[in-house]
Amino acid sequence: MVDKLLADPTPLTHLYQVLEQRYQAGQLRHSAYIHWHSILDCIDQPEIFRRELLDQAERMCKLRRRTILVGILTEQERIALLYPPPATTPTT
């Protein structure tokens, strides 16, 4: 998703809308709202954007469990990521 967003940031408008809707509906705490907002604002700095979205710290892992990054991948892309083809072994 990170690569896709960096290649084409068009979905950002939708992501900001999802963020606002979830915040207004009380589904996000203020700190999570600010955290997501600050990450999305870094799209023009690919290294920071990638680092923050892929951070393995407990807080970011928790935020990703209820991600706002919806509607970015197609169903085919999701399936390809979830079920990659088995690696083939070279024959000798």
PDB file of N, CA and C in Angstrom:
ATOM      1  N   MET A   1       0.819  -1.188   0.000  1.00  0.00           N
ATOM      2  CA  MET A   1       0.000   0.000   0.000  1.00  0.00           C
ATOM      3  C   MET A   1       0.862   1.252   0.000  1.00  0.00           C
ATOM      4  N   VAL A   2       1.967   1.187   0.722  1.00  0.00           N
ATOM      5  CA  VAL A   2       2.853   2.351   0.783  1.00  0.00           C
ATOM      6  C   VAL A   2       3.355   2.693  -0.611  1.00  0.00           C
ATOM      7  N   ASP A   3       3.845   1.677  -1.324  1.00  0.00           N
ATOM      8  CA  ASP A   3       4.357   1.916  -2.675  1.00  0.00           C
ATOM      9  C   ASP A   3       3.267   2.472  -3.590  1.00  0.00           C
ATOM     10  N   LYS A   4       2.087   1.927  -3.469  1.00  0.00           N
ATOM     11  CA  LYS A   4       0.980   2.376  -4.321  1.00  0.00           C
ATOM     12  C   LYS A   4       0.613   3.828  -4.014  1.00  0.00           C
ATOM     13  N   LEU A   5       0.569   4.191  -2.750  1.00  0.00           N
ATOM     14  CA  LEU A   5       0.260   5.573  -2.370  1.00  0.00           C
ATOM     15  C   LEU A   5       1.354   6.541  -2.806  1.00  0.00           C
ATOM     16  N   LEU A   6       2.599   6.116  -2.691  1.00  0.00           N
ATOM     17  CA  LEU A   6       3.691   6.985  -3.106  1.00  0.00           C
ATOM     18  C   LEU A   6       3.697   7.177  -4.623  1.00  0.00           C
ATOM     19  N   ALA A   7       3.330   6.133  -5.360  1.00  0.00           N
ATOM     20  CA  ALA A   7       3.283   6.224  -6.819  1.00  0.00           C
ATOM     21  C   ALA A   7       2.113   7.082  -7.294  1.00  0.00           C
ATOM     22  N   ASP A   8       0.999   6.999  -6.557  1.00  0.00           N
ATOM     23  CA  ASP A   8      -0.194   7.771  -6.928  1.00  0.00           C
ATOM     24  C   ASP A   8      -0.925   8.186  -5.651  1.00  0.00           C
ATOM     25  N   PRO A   9      -0.692   9.411  -5.166  1.00  0.00           N
ATOM     26  CA  PRO A   9      -1.304   9.855  -3.910  1.00  0.00           C
ATOM     27  C   PRO A   9      -2.771  10.270  -4.047  1.00  0.00           C
ATOM     28  N   THR A  10      -3.399  10.002  -5.166  1.00  0.00           N
ATOM     29  CA  THR A  10      -4.807  10.371  -5.372  1.00  0.00           C
ATOM     30  C   THR A  10      -5.727   9.884  -4.242  1.00  0.00           C
ATOM     31  N   PRO A  11      -5.565   8.650  -3.737  1.00  0.00           N
ATOM     32  CA  PRO A  11      -6.456   8.174  -2.665  1.00  0.00           C
ATOM     33  C   PRO A  11      -6.353   8.938  -1.347  1.00  0.00           C
ATOM     34  N   LEU A  12      -5.390   9.846  -1.215  1.00  0.00           N
ATOM     35  CA  LEU A  12      -5.243  10.583   0.048  1.00  0.00           C
ATOM     36  C   LEU A  12      -6.506  11.336   0.432  1.00  0.00           C
ATOM     37  N   THR A  13      -7.183  11.898  -0.549  1.00  0.00           N
ATOM     38  CA  THR A  13      -8.430  12.619  -0.252  1.00  0.00           C
ATOM     39  C   THR A  13      -9.419  11.693   0.444  1.00  0.00           C
ATOM     40  N   HIS A  14      -9.550  10.494  -0.073  1.00  0.00           N
ATOM     41  CA  HIS A  14     -10.449   9.503   0.530  1.00  0.00           C
ATOM     42  C   HIS A  14      -9.975   9.125   1.938  1.00  0.00           C
ATOM     43  N   LEU A  15      -8.659   8.969   2.116  1.00  0.00           N
ATOM     44  CA  LEU A  15      -8.125   8.581   3.419  1.00  0.00           C
ATOM     45  C   LEU A  15      -8.364   9.665   4.467  1.00  0.00           C
ATOM     46  N   TYR A  16      -8.217  10.924   4.077  1.00  0.00           N
ATOM     47  CA  TYR A  16      -8.521  12.016   5.005  1.00  0.00           C
ATOM     48  C   TYR A  16     -10.007  12.002   5.375  1.00  0.00           C
ATOM     49  N   GLN A  17     -10.867  11.663   4.425  1.00  0.00           N
ATOM     50  CA  GLN A  17     -12.307  11.579   4.706  1.00  0.00           C
ATOM     51  C   GLN A  17     -12.601  10.449   5.686  1.00  0.00           C
ATOM     52  N   VAL A  18     -11.977   9.297   5.466  1.00  0.00           N
ATOM     53  CA  VAL A  18     -12.149   8.160   6.385  1.00  0.00           C
ATOM     54  C   VAL A  18     -11.674   8.553   7.777  1.00  0.00           C
ATOM     55  N   LEU A  19     -10.537   9.209   7.847  1.00  0.00           N
ATOM     56  CA  LEU A  19      -9.989   9.660   9.123  1.00  0.00           C
ATOM     57  C   LEU A  19     -10.970  10.584   9.834  1.00  0.00           C
ATOM     58  N   GLU A  20     -11.484  11.565   9.124  1.00  0.00           N
ATOM     59  CA  GLU A  20     -12.444  12.509   9.714  1.00  0.00           C
ATOM     60  C   GLU A  20     -13.721  11.808  10.159  1.00  0.00           C
ATOM     61  N   GLN A  21     -14.244  10.921   9.322  1.00  0.00           N
ATOM     62  CA  GLN A  21     -15.485  10.214   9.666  1.00  0.00           C
ATOM     63  C   GLN A  21     -15.314   9.375  10.930  1.00  0.00           C
ATOM     64  N   ARG A  22     -14.218   8.655  11.002  1.00  0.00           N
ATOM     65  CA  ARG A  22     -13.990   7.810  12.176  1.00  0.00           C
ATOM     66  C   ARG A  22     -13.773   8.653  13.433  1.00  0.00           C
ATOM     67  N   TYR A  23     -13.100   9.766  13.287  1.00  0.00           N
ATOM     68  CA  TYR A  23     -12.872  10.642  14.435  1.00  0.00           C
ATOM     69  C   TYR A  23     -14.194  11.244  14.913  1.00  0.00           C
ATOM     70  N   GLN A  24     -14.981  11.750  13.981  1.00  0.00           N
ATOM     71  CA  GLN A  24     -16.268  12.356  14.336  1.00  0.00           C
ATOM     72  C   GLN A  24     -17.236  11.330  14.927  1.00  0.00           C
ATOM     73  N   ALA A  25     -17.116  10.077  14.499  1.00  0.00           N
ATOM     74  CA  ALA A  25     -17.983   9.014  15.015  1.00  0.00           C
ATOM     75  C   ALA A  25     -17.488   8.460  16.353  1.00  0.00           C
ATOM     76  N   GLY A  26     -16.363   8.982  16.843  1.00  0.00           N
ATOM     77  CA  GLY A  26     -15.825   8.520  18.114  1.00  0.00           C
ATOM     78  C   GLY A  26     -15.088   7.198  18.017  1.00  0.00           C
ATOM     79  N   GLN A  27     -14.723   6.786  16.808  1.00  0.00           N
ATOM     80  CA  GLN A  27     -14.019   5.524  16.623  1.00  0.00           C
ATOM     81  C   GLN A  27     -12.511   5.668  16.784  1.00  0.00           C
ATOM     82  N   LEU A  28     -12.031   6.900  16.847  1.00  0.00           N
ATOM     83  CA  LEU A  28     -10.612   7.180  17.034  1.00  0.00           C
ATOM     84  C   LEU A  28     -10.436   8.156  18.182  1.00  0.00           C
ATOM     85  N   ARG A  29      -9.453   7.900  19.000  1.00  0.00           N
ATOM     86  CA  ARG A  29      -9.085   8.879  20.026  1.00  0.00           C
ATOM     87  C   ARG A  29      -8.366  10.035  19.351  1.00  0.00           C
ATOM     88  N   HIS A  30      -8.294  11.144  20.043  1.00  0.00           N
ATOM     89  CA  HIS A  30      -7.653  12.326  19.479  1.00  0.00           C
ATOM     90  C   HIS A  30      -6.184  12.047  19.130  1.00  0.00           C
ATOM     91  N   SER A  31      -5.498  11.326  19.994  1.00  0.00           N
ATOM     92  CA  SER A  31      -4.076  11.043  19.741  1.00  0.00           C
ATOM     93  C   SER A  31      -3.902  10.194  18.477  1.00  0.00           C
ATOM     94  N   ALA A  32      -4.777   9.217  18.245  1.00  0.00           N
ATOM     95  CA  ALA A  32      -4.697   8.396  17.036  1.00  0.00           C
ATOM     96  C   ALA A  32      -5.013   9.238  15.803  1.00  0.00           C
ATOM     97  N   TYR A  33      -5.996  10.117  15.935  1.00  0.00           N
ATOM     98  CA  TYR A  33      -6.366  11.019  14.849  1.00  0.00           C
ATOM     99  C   TYR A  33      -5.171  11.883  14.447  1.00  0.00           C
ATOM    100  N   ILE A  34      -4.508  12.472  15.423  1.00  0.00           N
ATOM    101  CA  ILE A  34      -3.348  13.324  15.164  1.00  0.00           C
ATOM    102  C   ILE A  34      -2.211  12.495  14.557  1.00  0.00           C
ATOM    103  N   HIS A  35      -2.005  11.306  15.071  1.00  0.00           N
ATOM    104  CA  HIS A  35      -0.935  10.437  14.576  1.00  0.00           C
ATOM    105  C   HIS A  35      -1.157  10.095  13.102  1.00  0.00           C
ATOM    106  N   TRP A  36      -2.367   9.630  12.753  1.00  0.00           N
ATOM    107  CA  TRP A  36      -2.674   9.311  11.361  1.00  0.00           C
ATOM    108  C   TRP A  36      -2.540  10.557  10.484  1.00  0.00           C
ATOM    109  N   HIS A  37      -3.045  11.656  10.962  1.00  0.00           N
ATOM    110  CA  HIS A  37      -2.989  12.898  10.187  1.00  0.00           C
ATOM    111  C   HIS A  37      -1.539  13.285   9.897  1.00  0.00           C
ATOM    112  N   SER A  38      -0.685  13.186  10.895  1.00  0.00           N
ATOM    113  CA  SER A  38       0.723  13.562  10.703  1.00  0.00           C
ATOM    114  C   SER A  38       1.412  12.616   9.723  1.00  0.00           C
ATOM    115  N   ILE A  39       1.044  11.345   9.720  1.00  0.00           N
ATOM    116  CA  ILE A  39       1.627  10.403   8.757  1.00  0.00           C
ATOM    117  C   ILE A  39       1.182  10.747   7.345  1.00  0.00           C
ATOM    118  N   LEU A  40      -0.112  10.972   7.163  1.00  0.00           N
ATOM    119  CA  LEU A  40      -0.614  11.304   5.825  1.00  0.00           C
ATOM    120  C   LEU A  40      -0.003  12.602   5.313  1.00  0.00           C
ATOM    121  N   ASP A  41       0.244  13.523   6.204  1.00  0.00           N
ATOM    122  CA  ASP A  41       0.847  14.801   5.812  1.00  0.00           C
ATOM    123  C   ASP A  41       2.285  14.644   5.316  1.00  0.00           C
ATOM    124  N   CYS A  42       2.899  13.509   5.593  1.00  0.00           N
ATOM    125  CA  CYS A  42       4.300  13.272   5.193  1.00  0.00           C
ATOM    126  C   CYS A  42       4.426  12.627   3.816  1.00  0.00           C
ATOM    127  N   ILE A  43       3.355  12.533   3.060  1.00  0.00           N
ATOM    128  CA  ILE A  43       3.398  11.854   1.764  1.00  0.00           C
ATOM    129  C   ILE A  43       4.452  12.451   0.834  1.00  0.00           C
ATOM    130  N   ASP A  44       4.762  13.732   0.991  1.00  0.00           N
ATOM    131  CA  ASP A  44       5.772  14.374   0.145  1.00  0.00           C
ATOM    132  C   ASP A  44       7.199  14.061   0.580  1.00  0.00           C
ATOM    133  N   GLN A  45       7.335  13.310   1.658  1.00  0.00           N
ATOM    134  CA  GLN A  45       8.644  12.885   2.157  1.00  0.00           C
ATOM    135  C   GLN A  45       8.635  11.357   2.223  1.00  0.00           C
ATOM    136  N   PRO A  46       8.873  10.708   1.079  1.00  0.00           N
ATOM    137  CA  PRO A  46       8.698   9.249   0.986  1.00  0.00           C
ATOM    138  C   PRO A  46       9.407   8.437   2.062  1.00  0.00           C
ATOM    139  N   GLU A  47      10.623   8.825   2.438  1.00  0.00           N
ATOM    140  CA  GLU A  47      11.345   8.041   3.438  1.00  0.00           C
ATOM    141  C   GLU A  47      10.632   8.078   4.784  1.00  0.00           C
ATOM    142  N   ILE A  48      10.171   9.253   5.171  1.00  0.00           N
ATOM    143  CA  ILE A  48       9.466   9.411   6.450  1.00  0.00           C
ATOM    144  C   ILE A  48       8.114   8.716   6.389  1.00  0.00           C
ATOM    145  N   PHE A  49       7.392   8.910   5.302  1.00  0.00           N
ATOM    146  CA  PHE A  49       6.074   8.295   5.123  1.00  0.00           C
ATOM    147  C   PHE A  49       6.175   6.775   5.254  1.00  0.00           C
ATOM    148  N   ARG A  50       7.118   6.191   4.537  1.00  0.00           N
ATOM    149  CA  ARG A  50       7.317   4.742   4.569  1.00  0.00           C
ATOM    150  C   ARG A  50       7.711   4.288   5.977  1.00  0.00           C
ATOM    151  N   ARG A  51       8.676   4.969   6.585  1.00  0.00           N
ATOM    152  CA  ARG A  51       9.153   4.595   7.918  1.00  0.00           C
ATOM    153  C   ARG A  51       8.020   4.623   8.944  1.00  0.00           C
ATOM    154  N   GLU A  52       7.220   5.676   8.903  1.00  0.00           N
ATOM    155  CA  GLU A  52       6.150   5.808   9.892  1.00  0.00           C
ATOM    156  C   GLU A  52       5.034   4.792   9.684  1.00  0.00           C
ATOM    157  N   LEU A  53       4.640   4.552   8.445  1.00  0.00           N
ATOM    158  CA  LEU A  53       3.576   3.579   8.204  1.00  0.00           C
ATOM    159  C   LEU A  53       4.001   2.153   8.510  1.00  0.00           C
ATOM    160  N   LEU A  54       5.260   1.847   8.294  1.00  0.00           N
ATOM    161  CA  LEU A  54       5.741   0.490   8.500  1.00  0.00           C
ATOM    162  C   LEU A  54       6.404   0.285   9.859  1.00  0.00           C
ATOM    163  N   ASP A  55       6.345   1.286  10.712  1.00  0.00           N
ATOM    164  CA  ASP A  55       6.939   1.205  12.045  1.00  0.00           C
ATOM    165  C   ASP A  55       6.387  -0.010  12.793  1.00  0.00           C
ATOM    166  N   GLN A  56       7.272  -0.762  13.422  1.00  0.00           N
ATOM    167  CA  GLN A  56       6.871  -1.963  14.154  1.00  0.00           C
ATOM    168  C   GLN A  56       6.649  -1.727  15.645  1.00  0.00           C
ATOM    169  N   ALA A  57       6.680  -0.458  16.057  1.00  0.00           N
ATOM    170  CA  ALA A  57       6.421  -0.147  17.460  1.00  0.00           C
ATOM    171  C   ALA A  57       4.984  -0.537  17.819  1.00  0.00           C
ATOM    172  N   GLU A  58       4.775  -0.806  19.078  1.00  0.00           N
ATOM    173  CA  GLU A  58       3.462  -1.268  19.552  1.00  0.00           C
ATOM    174  C   GLU A  58       2.336  -0.314  19.159  1.00  0.00           C
ATOM    175  N   ARG A  59       2.574   0.977  19.298  1.00  0.00           N
ATOM    176  CA  ARG A  59       1.532   1.958  18.986  1.00  0.00           C
ATOM    177  C   ARG A  59       1.095   1.881  17.526  1.00  0.00           C
ATOM    178  N   MET A  60       2.045   1.825  16.608  1.00  0.00           N
ATOM    179  CA  MET A  60       1.693   1.789  15.196  1.00  0.00           C
ATOM    180  C   MET A  60       1.059   0.456  14.825  1.00  0.00           C
ATOM    181  N   CYS A  61       1.516  -0.612  15.409  1.00  0.00           N
ATOM    182  CA  CYS A  61       0.893  -1.918  15.163  1.00  0.00           C
ATOM    183  C   CYS A  61      -0.579  -1.878  15.583  1.00  0.00           C
ATOM    184  N   LYS A  62      -0.847  -1.245  16.716  1.00  0.00           N
ATOM    185  CA  LYS A  62      -2.214  -1.122  17.202  1.00  0.00           C
ATOM    186  C   LYS A  62      -3.050  -0.259  16.244  1.00  0.00           C
ATOM    187  N   LEU A  63      -2.482   0.827  15.770  1.00  0.00           N
ATOM    188  CA  LEU A  63      -3.206   1.689  14.840  1.00  0.00           C
ATOM    189  C   LEU A  63      -3.502   0.973  13.523  1.00  0.00           C
ATOM    190  N   ARG A  64      -2.566   0.168  13.063  1.00  0.00           N
ATOM    191  CA  ARG A  64      -2.774  -0.548  11.796  1.00  0.00           C
ATOM    192  C   ARG A  64      -3.854  -1.616  11.907  1.00  0.00           C
ATOM    193  N   ARG A  65      -4.103  -2.136  13.106  1.00  0.00           N
ATOM    194  CA  ARG A  65      -5.153  -3.151  13.262  1.00  0.00           C
ATOM    195  C   ARG A  65      -6.523  -2.592  12.898  1.00  0.00           C
ATOM    196  N   ARG A  66      -6.699  -1.306  13.108  1.00  0.00           N
ATOM    197  CA  ARG A  66      -7.956  -0.636  12.746  1.00  0.00           C
ATOM    198  C   ARG A  66      -7.613   0.477  11.757  1.00  0.00           C
ATOM    199  N   THR A  67      -6.948   0.086  10.711  1.00  0.00           N
ATOM    200  CA  THR A  67      -6.369   1.021   9.759  1.00  0.00           C
ATOM    201  C   THR A  67      -7.400   1.903   9.054  1.00  0.00           C
ATOM    202  N   ILE A  68      -6.946   3.080   8.703  1.00  0.00           N
ATOM    203  CA  ILE A  68      -7.762   3.965   7.871  1.00  0.00           C
ATOM    204  C   ILE A  68      -7.404   3.752   6.407  1.00  0.00           C
ATOM    205  N   LEU A  69      -6.386   2.943   6.150  1.00  0.00           N
ATOM    206  CA  LEU A  69      -5.912   2.714   4.787  1.00  0.00           C
ATOM    207  C   LEU A  69      -6.811   1.698   4.085  1.00  0.00           C
ATOM    208  N   VAL A  70      -8.019   2.136   3.778  1.00  0.00           N
ATOM    209  CA  VAL A  70      -9.005   1.271   3.135  1.00  0.00           C
ATOM    210  C   VAL A  70      -9.250   1.755   1.710  1.00  0.00           C
ATOM    211  N   GLY A  71      -9.567   0.802   0.850  1.00  0.00           N
ATOM    212  CA  GLY A  71      -9.896   1.142  -0.525  1.00  0.00           C
ATOM    213  C   GLY A  71      -8.702   1.470  -1.397  1.00  0.00           C
ATOM    214  N   ILE A  72      -7.509   1.085  -0.970  1.00  0.00           N
ATOM    215  CA  ILE A  72      -6.308   1.388  -1.754  1.00  0.00           C
ATOM    216  C   ILE A  72      -5.996   0.237  -2.699  1.00  0.00           C
ATOM    217  N   LEU A  73      -5.978  -0.965  -2.165  1.00  0.00           N
ATOM    218  CA  LEU A  73      -5.674  -2.132  -2.976  1.00  0.00           C
ATOM    219  C   LEU A  73      -6.940  -2.706  -3.594  1.00  0.00           C
ATOM    220  N   THR A  74      -6.798  -3.232  -4.804  1.00  0.00           N
ATOM    221  CA  THR A  74      -7.914  -3.955  -5.415  1.00  0.00           C
ATOM    222  C   THR A  74      -7.989  -5.325  -4.758  1.00  0.00           C
ATOM    223  N   GLU A  75      -9.078  -6.024  -4.963  1.00  0.00           N
ATOM    224  CA  GLU A  75      -9.221  -7.361  -4.388  1.00  0.00           C
ATOM    225  C   GLU A  75      -8.137  -8.289  -4.927  1.00  0.00           C
ATOM    226  N   GLN A  76      -7.810  -8.166  -6.193  1.00  0.00           N
ATOM    227  CA  GLN A  76      -6.751  -9.000  -6.776  1.00  0.00           C
ATOM    228  C   GLN A  76      -5.402  -8.714  -6.129  1.00  0.00           C
ATOM    229  N   GLU A  77      -5.110  -7.450  -5.852  1.00  0.00           N
ATOM    230  CA  GLU A  77      -3.855  -7.092  -5.192  1.00  0.00           C
ATOM    231  C   GLU A  77      -3.809  -7.644  -3.775  1.00  0.00           C
ATOM    232  N   ARG A  78      -4.927  -7.569  -3.071  1.00  0.00           N
ATOM    233  CA  ARG A  78      -4.985  -8.108  -1.707  1.00  0.00           C
ATOM    234  C   ARG A  78      -4.732  -9.614  -1.702  1.00  0.00           C
ATOM    235  N   ILE A  79      -5.384 -10.324  -2.614  1.00  0.00           N
ATOM    236  CA  ILE A  79      -5.224 -11.773  -2.691  1.00  0.00           C
ATOM    237  C   ILE A  79      -3.780 -12.131  -3.018  1.00  0.00           C
ATOM    238  N   ALA A  80      -3.180 -11.402  -3.962  1.00  0.00           N
ATOM    239  CA  ALA A  80      -1.787 -11.673  -4.340  1.00  0.00           C
ATOM    240  C   ALA A  80      -0.845 -11.471  -3.153  1.00  0.00           C
ATOM    241  N   LEU A  81      -1.133 -10.499  -2.307  1.00  0.00           N
ATOM    242  CA  LEU A  81      -0.292 -10.258  -1.130  1.00  0.00           C
ATOM    243  C   LEU A  81      -0.539 -11.281  -0.027  1.00  0.00           C
ATOM    244  N   LEU A  82      -1.794 -11.657   0.152  1.00  0.00           N
ATOM    245  CA  LEU A  82      -2.123 -12.607   1.213  1.00  0.00           C
ATOM    246  C   LEU A  82      -1.760 -14.038   0.856  1.00  0.00           C
ATOM    247  N   TYR A  83      -1.838 -14.368  -0.423  1.00  0.00           N
ATOM    248  CA  TYR A  83      -1.586 -15.733  -0.870  1.00  0.00           C
ATOM    249  C   TYR A  83      -0.600 -15.730  -2.036  1.00  0.00           C
ATOM    250  N   PRO A  84       0.653 -15.410  -1.755  1.00  0.00           N
ATOM    251  CA  PRO A  84       1.639 -15.392  -2.842  1.00  0.00           C
ATOM    252  C   PRO A  84       1.831 -16.796  -3.406  1.00  0.00           C
ATOM    253  N   PRO A  85       2.161 -16.872  -4.686  1.00  0.00           N
ATOM    254  CA  PRO A  85       2.390 -18.212  -5.270  1.00  0.00           C
ATOM    255  C   PRO A  85       3.589 -18.872  -4.575  1.00  0.00           C
ATOM    256  N   PRO A  86       3.554 -20.193  -4.445  1.00  0.00           N
ATOM    257  CA  PRO A  86       4.673 -20.881  -3.789  1.00  0.00           C
ATOM    258  C   PRO A  86       5.955 -20.693  -4.590  1.00  0.00           C
ATOM    259  N   ALA A  87       7.040 -20.602  -3.863  1.00  0.00           N
ATOM    260  CA  ALA A  87       8.349 -20.443  -4.511  1.00  0.00           C
ATOM    261  C   ALA A  87       8.697 -21.744  -5.218  1.00  0.00           C
ATOM    262  N   THR A  88       9.238 -21.596  -6.392  1.00  0.00           N
ATOM    263  CA  THR A  88       9.648 -22.799  -7.117  1.00  0.00           C
ATOM    264  C   THR A  88      11.117 -23.068  -6.840  1.00  0.00           C
ATOM    265  N   THR A  89      11.457 -24.324  -6.757  1.00  0.00           N
ATOM    266  CA  THR A  89      12.852 -24.695  -6.527  1.00  0.00           C
ATOM    267  C   THR A  89      13.461 -25.075  -7.856  1.00  0.00           C
ATOM    268  N   PRO A  90      14.660 -24.616  -8.096  1.00  0.00           N
ATOM    269  CA  PRO A  90      15.311 -24.960  -9.374  1.00  0.00           C
ATOM    270  C   PRO A  90      15.633 -26.444  -9.432  1.00  0.00           C
ATOM    271  N   THR A  91      15.451 -26.991 -10.597  1.00  0.00           N
ATOM    272  CA  THR A  91      15.782 -28.407 -10.784  1.00  0.00           C
ATOM    273  C   THR A  91      17.217 -28.509 -11.300  1.00  0.00           C
ATOM    274  N   THR A  92      17.877 -29.556 -10.880  1.00  0.00           N
ATOM    275  CA  THR A  92      19.267 -29.735 -11.316  1.00  0.00           C
ATOM    276  C   THR A  92      19.403 -30.806 -12.336  1.00  0.00           C
TER     277      THR A  92
END
